[in-house]
């Protein structure tokens, strides 16, 4: 099935925005790098989860839900996990401690992404379930002379010099590709940029038997094996954060292409921009490192908890490829906008479909800004009582992973019907030029923590919205 919708996506590999053409419209395939589950996912991890969830929803809309496969992995074997397990469970055997760490953090990640309004991917493979596939890939790379076993150290390394166009994704050549990368320079490497496919494990470390001795996989080989298992040797879209372009995604491409003899691993590579918090790089040393769980459940950021939908909208308000400054003010703006949309859609009965202009905007490299402007237009019509606009708005919010009324229910003891009646009474006072009465109603509501916001609709008529001041 061919989609009638034209989707354009920026391809990091070609550095251009291209019309998306899937390899098979009946089997559109996308892989996104998920977290390493050594700790609760932070707000930076939330950005790719949300961005690629929106793309997943768009692809499902364009090609049909049954024709899109989205795989997002969990890395559950890693030196950071080993260190965390030894720290948190010093009295347990390491393998048992590792299991406890990864099960807890993986379960929390699932809860967090659901709270952020994300659909579950079709498959969520764990690295430790695919060791055999990784070993098969490594064996192929050795046989084709793209990898070699380093004598005496129990490592298998990828030979970057064996791949003429290594570095194409990141734009780095072999003379410069060490800049900014954590690369071990060891005598057993043919080239300082050669990277580990398999490394030896000590008796205390997790490990698996292999043709090269007991050991564990390197980070990059994991995604090559898991993406092949569920999406094939070549698939449509590979996504992740900007920080993964080099070395992770560059090395994935090298492994997969050289193992399979293919021209590509994925045809489109997409990367979301960096995140900072209140103008600074997020860092535990600066005290501005926030997990998704913290933002949802504690009052550590801005002195309050934040609904998952507000976090979602806050992270979508900046284009996915641009850097984002995550601030309390941004979340307050997102909450106000979302509450306005929900108030306009709250009476919907569920008979609408997503707005075509919103879908068209999103189809231009996930331009949520343009989509948001289009949603505002629908909301204004809905506020004038246009029933089709109310239904369309509710369906459009649902398409983006937003409820039509979740924030409206969070009003405590506030009587929304009484407030609406007072707002209407105030509007009538304005019409009668009884400005003293209008001001008195505003002042009375403000003492209750209700703030009124005046504006005009497309016909030039006064309209008033209200919100609870926090």
Protein backbone atom coordinates (compact mmCIF):
# COMPACT_ATOMS: atom_id res chain seq x y z
CA UNK A 1 0.00 0.00 0.00
CA UNK A 2 1.38 3.42 -0.96
CA UNK A 3 0.63 6.36 1.29
CA UNK A 4 -1.10 9.42 -0.16
CA UNK A 5 0.72 11.49 2.45
CA UNK A 6 4.12 12.92 1.48
CA UNK A 7 6.49 12.73 4.43
CA UNK A 8 9.79 14.60 4.38
CA UNK A 9 12.53 13.74 6.89
CA UNK A 10 15.99 15.18 7.47
CA UNK A 11 18.55 12.47 6.83
CA UNK A 12 21.75 12.87 8.85
CA UNK A 13 23.52 10.59 6.37
CA UNK A 14 22.90 12.88 3.37
CA UNK A 15 22.49 16.11 5.38
CA UNK A 16 19.34 16.95 3.42
CA UNK A 17 15.59 16.77 3.89
CA UNK A 18 14.25 14.00 1.70
CA UNK A 19 10.88 12.60 0.69
CA UNK A 20 10.48 9.40 2.68
CA UNK A 21 10.07 6.32 0.50
CA UNK A 22 9.96 3.06 2.49
CA UNK A 23 11.62 -0.07 1.14
CA UNK A 24 8.26 -1.82 1.48
CA UNK A 25 5.13 0.23 2.17
CA UNK A 26 3.51 -2.85 3.70
CA UNK A 27 6.40 -3.25 6.16
CA UNK A 28 7.79 0.13 7.25
CA UNK A 29 10.60 -0.42 9.77
CA UNK A 30 12.17 1.88 12.36
CA UNK A 31 14.82 1.23 15.01
CA UNK A 32 15.62 3.64 17.85
CA UNK A 33 18.37 3.27 20.43
CA UNK A 34 16.87 3.01 23.90
CA UNK A 35 18.57 3.57 27.26
CA UNK A 36 21.28 1.68 29.07
CA UNK A 37 19.33 0.56 32.11
CA UNK A 38 21.86 1.21 34.89
CA UNK A 39 19.76 4.02 36.42
CA UNK A 40 16.36 5.69 36.04
CA UNK A 41 16.06 7.42 32.67
CA UNK A 42 16.70 11.18 32.75
CA UNK A 43 14.79 13.91 30.97
CA UNK A 44 17.32 13.83 28.11
CA UNK A 45 16.29 10.20 27.50
CA UNK A 46 12.68 11.34 27.33
CA UNK A 47 13.27 13.50 24.26
CA UNK A 48 14.04 10.69 21.74
CA UNK A 49 11.31 8.53 23.29
CA UNK A 50 8.76 11.28 22.59
CA UNK A 51 10.13 12.44 19.22
CA UNK A 52 10.20 8.98 17.70
CA UNK A 53 6.86 8.12 19.24
CA UNK A 54 5.39 11.02 17.25
CA UNK A 55 7.10 9.70 14.11
CA UNK A 56 5.75 6.21 14.89
CA UNK A 57 2.24 7.66 15.12
CA UNK A 58 2.70 9.54 11.83
CA UNK A 59 3.92 6.40 10.03
CA UNK A 60 0.99 4.40 11.42
CA UNK A 61 -1.38 7.10 10.17
CA UNK A 62 0.22 7.11 6.73
CA UNK A 63 0.73 3.37 6.14
CA UNK A 64 -1.61 1.68 8.63
CA UNK A 65 -0.81 0.42 12.12
CA UNK A 66 -0.38 -3.16 10.90
CA UNK A 67 2.27 -2.09 8.38
CA UNK A 68 4.75 -0.36 10.71
CA UNK A 69 7.29 -2.05 12.99
CA UNK A 70 9.04 0.03 15.62
CA UNK A 71 11.88 -1.53 17.61
CA UNK A 72 13.45 0.22 20.59
CA UNK A 73 16.12 -1.69 22.50
CA UNK A 74 17.22 -1.85 26.11
CA UNK A 75 20.95 -2.21 26.78
CA UNK A 76 21.23 -4.47 29.82
CA UNK A 77 24.89 -5.47 29.59
CA UNK A 78 27.38 -2.67 30.10
CA UNK A 79 30.25 -1.70 32.40
CA UNK A 80 28.09 1.05 33.97
CA UNK A 81 25.55 -1.59 34.92
CA UNK A 82 28.27 -3.74 36.45
CA UNK A 83 29.53 -0.81 38.53
CA UNK A 84 26.03 0.14 39.70
CA UNK A 85 25.23 -3.45 40.64
CA UNK A 86 28.42 -3.79 42.69
CA UNK A 87 27.68 -0.49 44.44
CA UNK A 88 24.01 -1.11 45.22
CA UNK A 89 24.16 -4.83 46.07
CA UNK A 90 27.66 -5.46 47.48
CA UNK A 91 26.67 -8.69 49.24
CA UNK A 92 25.19 -10.43 46.20
CA UNK A 93 26.90 -12.34 43.39
CA UNK A 94 27.41 -9.87 40.56
CA UNK A 95 25.07 -11.62 38.10
CA UNK A 96 22.23 -11.53 40.64
CA UNK A 97 22.97 -7.90 41.46
CA UNK A 98 22.97 -7.00 37.76
CA UNK A 99 19.60 -8.70 37.29
CA UNK A 100 18.10 -6.67 40.13
CA UNK A 101 19.44 -3.39 38.76
CA UNK A 102 18.31 -3.95 35.18
CA UNK A 103 14.87 -5.33 36.05
CA UNK A 104 14.11 -2.36 38.31
CA UNK A 105 15.38 0.31 35.93
CA UNK A 106 13.85 -1.29 32.81
CA UNK A 107 10.44 -1.52 34.52
CA UNK A 108 10.67 2.14 35.58
CA UNK A 109 11.55 3.17 32.01
CA UNK A 110 8.41 1.46 30.73
CA UNK A 111 6.28 3.26 33.33
CA UNK A 112 7.93 6.59 32.54
CA UNK A 113 7.44 6.40 28.77
CA UNK A 114 3.79 5.40 29.18
CA UNK A 115 3.29 8.38 31.54
CA UNK A 116 4.81 10.57 28.79
CA UNK A 117 2.08 9.43 26.42
CA UNK A 118 4.25 7.13 24.31
CA UNK A 119 2.86 4.08 22.57
CA UNK A 120 4.72 0.87 23.29
CA UNK A 121 7.05 -0.08 20.41
CA UNK A 122 6.22 -3.29 18.59
CA UNK A 123 9.35 -4.92 19.97
CA UNK A 124 11.66 -3.94 22.84
CA UNK A 125 14.61 -6.33 22.66
CA UNK A 126 17.09 -6.70 25.51
CA UNK A 127 20.74 -7.10 24.60
CA UNK A 128 21.29 -10.16 26.80
CA UNK A 129 18.65 -12.07 24.83
CA UNK A 130 20.63 -11.69 21.58
CA UNK A 131 24.19 -12.76 22.44
CA UNK A 132 24.08 -15.58 19.88
CA UNK A 133 23.15 -13.14 17.11
CA UNK A 134 26.02 -10.87 18.10
CA UNK A 135 28.47 -13.76 17.97
CA UNK A 136 27.18 -14.72 14.52
CA UNK A 137 27.81 -11.20 13.24
CA UNK A 138 31.31 -11.15 14.72
CA UNK A 139 32.09 -14.49 13.08
CA UNK A 140 31.02 -13.09 9.69
CA UNK A 141 33.17 -10.01 10.16
CA UNK A 142 36.24 -12.10 10.98
CA UNK A 143 35.61 -14.37 7.96
CA UNK A 144 35.34 -11.36 5.64
CA UNK A 145 38.51 -9.83 7.13
CA UNK A 146 36.74 -6.82 8.59
CA UNK A 147 37.58 -7.93 12.14
CA UNK A 148 40.44 -9.64 13.90
CA UNK A 149 41.14 -11.36 17.18
CA UNK A 150 43.76 -9.57 19.25
CA UNK A 151 46.17 -12.19 20.51
CA UNK A 152 46.57 -12.53 24.25
CA UNK A 153 43.87 -10.06 25.37
CA UNK A 154 40.66 -11.94 24.53
CA UNK A 155 39.30 -9.17 22.32
CA UNK A 156 37.83 -9.12 18.84
CA UNK A 157 38.20 -5.75 17.13
CA UNK A 158 36.64 -4.20 14.04
CA UNK A 159 39.25 -3.10 11.51
CA UNK A 160 38.13 0.38 10.45
CA UNK A 161 40.80 0.46 7.77
CA UNK A 162 39.01 -2.36 5.95
CA UNK A 163 36.02 -0.09 5.18
CA UNK A 164 36.86 2.58 2.59
CA UNK A 165 33.98 4.93 3.47
CA UNK A 166 34.08 4.54 7.24
CA UNK A 167 33.04 7.84 8.82
CA UNK A 168 30.45 8.89 6.24
CA UNK A 169 27.64 9.41 8.76
CA UNK A 170 29.63 11.63 11.12
CA UNK A 171 31.78 13.23 8.42
CA UNK A 172 34.99 12.09 10.12
CA UNK A 173 37.88 10.53 8.25
CA UNK A 174 40.33 8.11 9.84
CA UNK A 175 42.83 10.89 10.53
CA UNK A 176 40.33 12.91 12.56
CA UNK A 177 37.82 10.44 13.92
CA UNK A 178 39.42 10.26 17.37
CA UNK A 179 38.45 13.86 18.17
CA UNK A 180 35.83 13.92 20.90
CA UNK A 181 35.57 10.14 21.14
CA UNK A 182 36.57 7.86 23.97
CA UNK A 183 38.91 5.50 22.11
CA UNK A 184 41.47 3.32 23.81
CA UNK A 185 44.86 3.48 22.09
CA UNK A 186 46.42 0.07 22.64
CA UNK A 187 49.33 -1.74 21.06
CA UNK A 188 47.11 -4.68 20.07
CA UNK A 189 45.07 -2.50 17.71
CA UNK A 190 45.93 -2.18 14.03
CA UNK A 191 44.47 1.32 14.07
CA UNK A 192 43.77 3.45 17.15
CA UNK A 193 40.14 3.82 15.96
CA UNK A 194 39.52 0.06 15.83
CA UNK A 195 36.68 -0.71 18.24
CA UNK A 196 35.73 -3.70 20.37
CA UNK A 197 33.23 -6.27 19.17
CA UNK A 198 33.91 -8.78 21.95
CA UNK A 199 35.94 -8.43 25.14
CA UNK A 200 37.10 -10.83 27.81
CA UNK A 201 35.29 -11.09 31.16
CA UNK A 202 36.94 -11.76 34.48
CA UNK A 203 35.41 -14.51 36.65
CA UNK A 204 33.56 -11.81 38.60
CA UNK A 205 32.08 -10.14 35.51
CA UNK A 206 29.07 -11.29 33.45
CA UNK A 207 30.15 -13.33 30.47
CA UNK A 208 29.16 -15.85 27.82
CA UNK A 209 31.11 -18.65 26.19
CA UNK A 210 32.31 -17.83 22.68
CA UNK A 211 34.85 -18.99 20.06
CA UNK A 212 37.16 -16.29 21.47
CA UNK A 213 36.80 -17.24 25.12
CA UNK A 214 34.40 -16.25 27.85
CA UNK A 215 33.46 -12.64 27.47
CA UNK A 216 30.78 -10.09 26.66
CA UNK A 217 29.84 -7.96 23.66
CA UNK A 218 30.97 -4.45 22.86
CA UNK A 219 28.26 -1.79 22.93
CA UNK A 220 27.94 -1.20 19.18
CA UNK A 221 27.47 -4.82 18.09
CA UNK A 222 24.34 -5.10 20.25
CA UNK A 223 22.21 -2.79 18.11
CA UNK A 224 23.47 -4.30 14.86
CA UNK A 225 22.33 -7.74 16.01
CA UNK A 226 18.98 -6.64 17.42
CA UNK A 227 17.99 -4.46 14.46
CA UNK A 228 18.81 -7.28 12.02
CA UNK A 229 16.81 -9.77 14.07
CA UNK A 230 13.60 -7.73 13.98
CA UNK A 231 13.92 -5.43 10.96
CA UNK A 232 16.28 -7.14 8.54
CA UNK A 233 19.72 -6.37 7.15
CA UNK A 234 18.53 -3.08 5.62
CA UNK A 235 15.59 -1.12 6.99
CA UNK A 236 13.99 2.31 6.67
CA UNK A 237 14.76 4.57 9.65
CA UNK A 238 17.30 4.53 12.45
CA UNK A 239 16.96 7.14 15.19
CA UNK A 240 18.56 8.34 18.39
CA UNK A 241 20.15 11.33 20.08
CA UNK A 242 22.73 13.55 18.43
CA UNK A 243 25.37 12.22 20.82
CA UNK A 244 25.06 8.76 19.26
CA UNK A 245 26.16 9.74 15.75
CA UNK A 246 29.77 9.03 16.65
CA UNK A 247 30.94 6.56 17.59
CA UNK A 248 27.83 4.42 18.19
CA UNK A 249 25.86 4.84 14.99
CA UNK A 250 28.94 5.14 12.83
CA UNK A 251 30.16 1.81 14.18
CA UNK A 252 26.75 0.18 13.82
CA UNK A 253 26.83 1.05 10.13
CA UNK A 254 30.35 -0.35 9.75
CA UNK A 255 29.49 -3.65 11.44
CA UNK A 256 26.18 -4.21 9.68
CA UNK A 257 27.25 -3.23 6.18
CA UNK A 258 30.49 -5.18 6.29
CA UNK A 259 28.87 -8.29 7.81
CA UNK A 260 26.09 -8.39 5.22
CA UNK A 261 27.77 -6.80 2.21
CA UNK A 262 24.97 -4.22 1.92
CA UNK A 263 25.03 -0.61 0.70
CA UNK A 264 23.32 0.61 3.84
CA UNK A 265 22.14 -0.40 7.28
CA UNK A 266 19.24 2.06 7.32
CA UNK A 267 18.25 4.43 4.53
CA UNK A 268 17.31 7.35 6.80
CA UNK A 269 19.21 8.38 9.94
CA UNK A 270 17.50 10.83 12.30
CA UNK A 271 18.90 12.49 15.41
CA UNK A 272 17.33 14.75 18.03
CA UNK A 273 19.26 17.68 19.48
CA UNK A 274 20.85 18.10 22.90
CA UNK A 275 18.99 19.14 26.04
CA UNK A 276 20.12 21.55 28.73
CA UNK A 277 18.32 22.56 31.93
CA UNK A 278 17.71 26.23 32.78
CA UNK A 279 20.53 27.29 30.45
CA UNK A 280 23.11 24.81 31.72
CA UNK A 281 24.30 21.38 30.69
CA UNK A 282 22.50 18.77 32.78
CA UNK A 283 24.93 17.41 35.35
CA UNK A 284 24.72 15.77 38.76
CA UNK A 285 27.58 17.99 39.93
CA UNK A 286 25.48 21.08 39.13
CA UNK A 287 22.45 19.65 40.90
CA UNK A 288 20.28 19.96 37.78
CA UNK A 289 20.13 16.29 36.79
CA UNK A 290 16.51 15.16 36.71
CA UNK A 291 15.07 11.74 36.04
CA UNK A 292 11.67 11.42 34.38
CA UNK A 293 10.48 9.73 37.57
CA UNK A 294 11.57 12.76 39.65
CA UNK A 295 9.69 15.20 37.45
CA UNK A 296 6.54 13.08 37.57
CA UNK A 297 6.56 12.16 41.24
CA UNK A 298 8.52 14.75 43.28
CA UNK A 299 8.61 18.52 43.71
CA UNK A 300 12.29 18.92 42.86
CA UNK A 301 11.79 21.00 39.67
CA UNK A 302 9.91 24.24 40.08
CA UNK A 303 8.56 23.14 43.46
CA UNK A 304 5.91 20.82 42.04
CA UNK A 305 5.17 17.60 40.18
CA UNK A 306 4.57 17.76 36.43
CA UNK A 307 1.95 15.77 34.48
CA UNK A 308 3.48 13.52 31.83
CA UNK A 309 1.51 15.25 29.08
CA UNK A 310 2.96 18.62 30.09
CA UNK A 311 6.50 17.20 29.91
CA UNK A 312 5.62 15.74 26.51
CA UNK A 313 4.37 19.04 25.10
CA UNK A 314 7.26 20.94 26.66
CA UNK A 315 9.74 18.71 24.83
CA UNK A 316 7.86 19.01 21.53
CA UNK A 317 7.69 22.80 21.53
CA UNK A 318 11.23 23.02 20.11
CA UNK A 319 11.92 21.31 16.78
CA UNK A 320 13.46 17.90 17.41
CA UNK A 321 16.75 18.68 15.64
CA UNK A 322 17.36 21.89 17.59
CA UNK A 323 18.93 22.12 21.07
CA UNK A 324 16.34 22.59 23.78
CA UNK A 325 16.46 24.54 27.04
CA UNK A 326 14.28 22.68 29.53
CA UNK A 327 12.91 25.26 31.97
CA UNK A 328 10.12 25.71 34.48
CA UNK A 329 8.80 28.57 32.35
CA UNK A 330 8.62 26.26 29.32
CA UNK A 331 6.59 23.72 31.26
CA UNK A 332 4.26 26.41 32.58
CA UNK A 333 3.68 27.60 29.02
CA UNK A 334 3.08 24.03 27.87
CA UNK A 335 0.59 23.43 30.68
CA UNK A 336 -1.37 26.59 29.86
CA UNK A 337 -1.52 25.73 26.16
CA UNK A 338 -2.51 22.12 26.77
CA UNK A 339 -5.21 23.14 29.24
CA UNK A 340 -6.59 25.61 26.65
CA UNK A 341 -6.71 22.90 24.01
CA UNK A 342 -8.31 20.42 26.38
CA UNK A 343 -10.93 22.92 27.55
CA UNK A 344 -11.90 23.54 23.92
CA UNK A 345 -12.09 19.79 23.21
CA UNK A 346 -13.60 18.58 26.47
CA UNK A 347 -17.16 18.21 25.14
CA UNK A 348 -16.14 15.93 22.25
CA UNK A 349 -18.00 12.65 21.84
CA UNK A 350 -15.19 10.86 19.96
CA UNK A 351 -16.50 11.09 16.39
CA UNK A 352 -13.75 13.20 14.80
CA UNK A 353 -10.57 12.56 12.85
CA UNK A 354 -7.18 14.32 13.12
CA UNK A 355 -6.96 17.61 11.27
CA UNK A 356 -5.38 17.32 7.82
CA UNK A 357 -3.44 20.58 8.11
CA UNK A 358 -1.88 19.37 11.37
CA UNK A 359 -0.83 16.08 9.76
CA UNK A 360 0.57 17.96 6.78
CA UNK A 361 2.64 20.19 9.06
CA UNK A 362 3.97 17.21 10.98
CA UNK A 363 4.87 15.51 7.70
CA UNK A 364 7.42 18.25 7.07
CA UNK A 365 10.25 16.79 9.18
CA UNK A 366 8.05 16.61 12.29
CA UNK A 367 7.38 20.37 12.39
CA UNK A 368 5.44 20.48 15.64
CA UNK A 369 5.57 24.29 15.69
CA UNK A 370 3.51 24.45 12.49
CA UNK A 371 1.27 21.68 13.80
CA UNK A 372 0.75 23.63 17.04
CA UNK A 373 -0.28 26.76 15.13
CA UNK A 374 -2.82 24.67 13.21
CA UNK A 375 -4.15 23.18 16.46
CA UNK A 376 -4.63 26.72 17.82
CA UNK A 377 -6.79 27.53 14.78
CA UNK A 378 -9.00 24.49 15.42
CA UNK A 379 -9.20 25.34 19.13
CA UNK A 380 -10.47 28.85 18.35
CA UNK A 381 -13.23 27.37 16.20
CA UNK A 382 -14.05 24.87 18.92
CA UNK A 383 -14.30 27.69 21.47
CA UNK A 384 -16.93 29.32 19.25
CA UNK A 385 -18.99 26.16 19.56
CA UNK A 386 -18.31 24.64 16.11
CA UNK A 387 -19.10 20.99 16.84
CA UNK A 388 -16.99 19.56 14.02
CA UNK A 389 -14.01 21.57 15.30
CA UNK A 390 -14.52 20.21 18.83
CA UNK A 391 -14.48 16.63 17.54
CA UNK A 392 -11.53 17.29 15.22
CA UNK A 393 -9.54 18.91 18.03
CA UNK A 394 -10.09 15.96 20.37
CA UNK A 395 -9.00 13.50 17.67
CA UNK A 396 -5.94 15.62 16.88
CA UNK A 397 -4.89 15.72 20.53
CA UNK A 398 -5.33 11.96 20.77
CA UNK A 399 -3.17 11.54 17.67
CA UNK A 400 -0.35 13.38 19.47
CA UNK A 401 -0.72 11.34 22.65
CA UNK A 402 -2.68 13.95 24.61
CA UNK A 403 -5.96 13.45 26.44
CA UNK A 404 -8.87 15.79 25.77
CA UNK A 405 -9.48 16.53 29.44
CA UNK A 406 -6.76 15.18 31.77
CA UNK A 407 -5.62 18.58 33.09
CA UNK A 408 -9.19 19.82 33.45
CA UNK A 409 -9.90 17.08 35.97
CA UNK A 410 -7.03 18.30 38.13
CA UNK A 411 -8.94 21.24 39.64
CA UNK A 412 -9.30 20.08 43.25
CA UNK A 413 -12.33 21.71 44.89
CA UNK A 414 -12.81 24.23 42.07
CA UNK A 415 -16.35 24.31 40.66
CA UNK A 416 -15.65 24.68 36.95
CA UNK A 417 -19.33 25.17 36.06
CA UNK A 418 -19.63 28.05 38.56
CA UNK A 419 -16.50 29.70 37.19
CA UNK A 420 -17.75 29.36 33.61
CA UNK A 421 -21.04 30.98 34.69
CA UNK A 422 -19.17 33.89 36.31
CA UNK A 423 -17.02 34.32 33.20
CA UNK A 424 -20.17 34.51 31.07
CA UNK A 425 -21.71 36.97 33.54
CA UNK A 426 -18.61 39.12 33.24
CA UNK A 427 -18.81 39.04 29.44
CA UNK A 428 -22.41 40.23 29.66
CA UNK A 429 -21.26 43.02 31.98
CA UNK A 430 -18.77 44.14 29.33
CA UNK A 431 -21.52 44.20 26.73
CA UNK A 432 -23.62 46.37 29.07
CA UNK A 433 -20.55 48.59 29.68
CA UNK A 434 -20.75 47.75 33.38
CA UNK A 435 -16.98 47.71 33.79
CA UNK A 436 -17.11 47.97 37.57
CA UNK A 437 -19.01 44.67 37.75
CA UNK A 438 -16.62 43.04 35.30
CA UNK A 439 -13.64 44.14 37.37
CA UNK A 440 -15.29 42.94 40.57
CA UNK A 441 -15.83 39.45 39.13
CA UNK A 442 -12.19 39.27 38.00
CA UNK A 443 -10.95 40.39 41.42
CA UNK A 444 -13.19 37.94 43.27
CA UNK A 445 -12.02 35.00 41.17
CA UNK A 446 -8.40 36.03 41.58
CA UNK A 447 -8.74 35.75 45.36
CA UNK A 448 -9.79 32.11 44.77
CA UNK A 449 -6.65 31.50 42.71
CA UNK A 450 -8.47 31.73 39.36
CA UNK A 451 -6.83 33.95 36.75
CA UNK A 452 -8.82 35.27 33.78
CA UNK A 453 -7.24 35.88 30.39
CA UNK A 454 -9.06 38.07 27.87
CA UNK A 455 -8.69 37.89 24.12
CA UNK A 456 -10.65 38.09 20.88
CA UNK A 457 -11.87 35.44 18.46
CA UNK A 458 -11.67 35.64 14.66
CA UNK A 459 -14.87 37.69 14.58
CA UNK A 460 -13.34 40.28 16.91
CA UNK A 461 -15.55 39.30 19.84
CA UNK A 462 -14.21 39.26 23.40
CA UNK A 463 -13.47 35.78 24.72
CA UNK A 464 -12.18 34.88 28.17
CA UNK A 465 -10.27 31.82 29.36
CA UNK A 466 -9.40 30.92 32.93
CA UNK A 467 -6.77 28.88 34.68
CA UNK A 468 -5.81 27.95 38.21
CA UNK A 469 -2.84 29.98 39.45
CA UNK A 470 -0.21 27.83 41.13
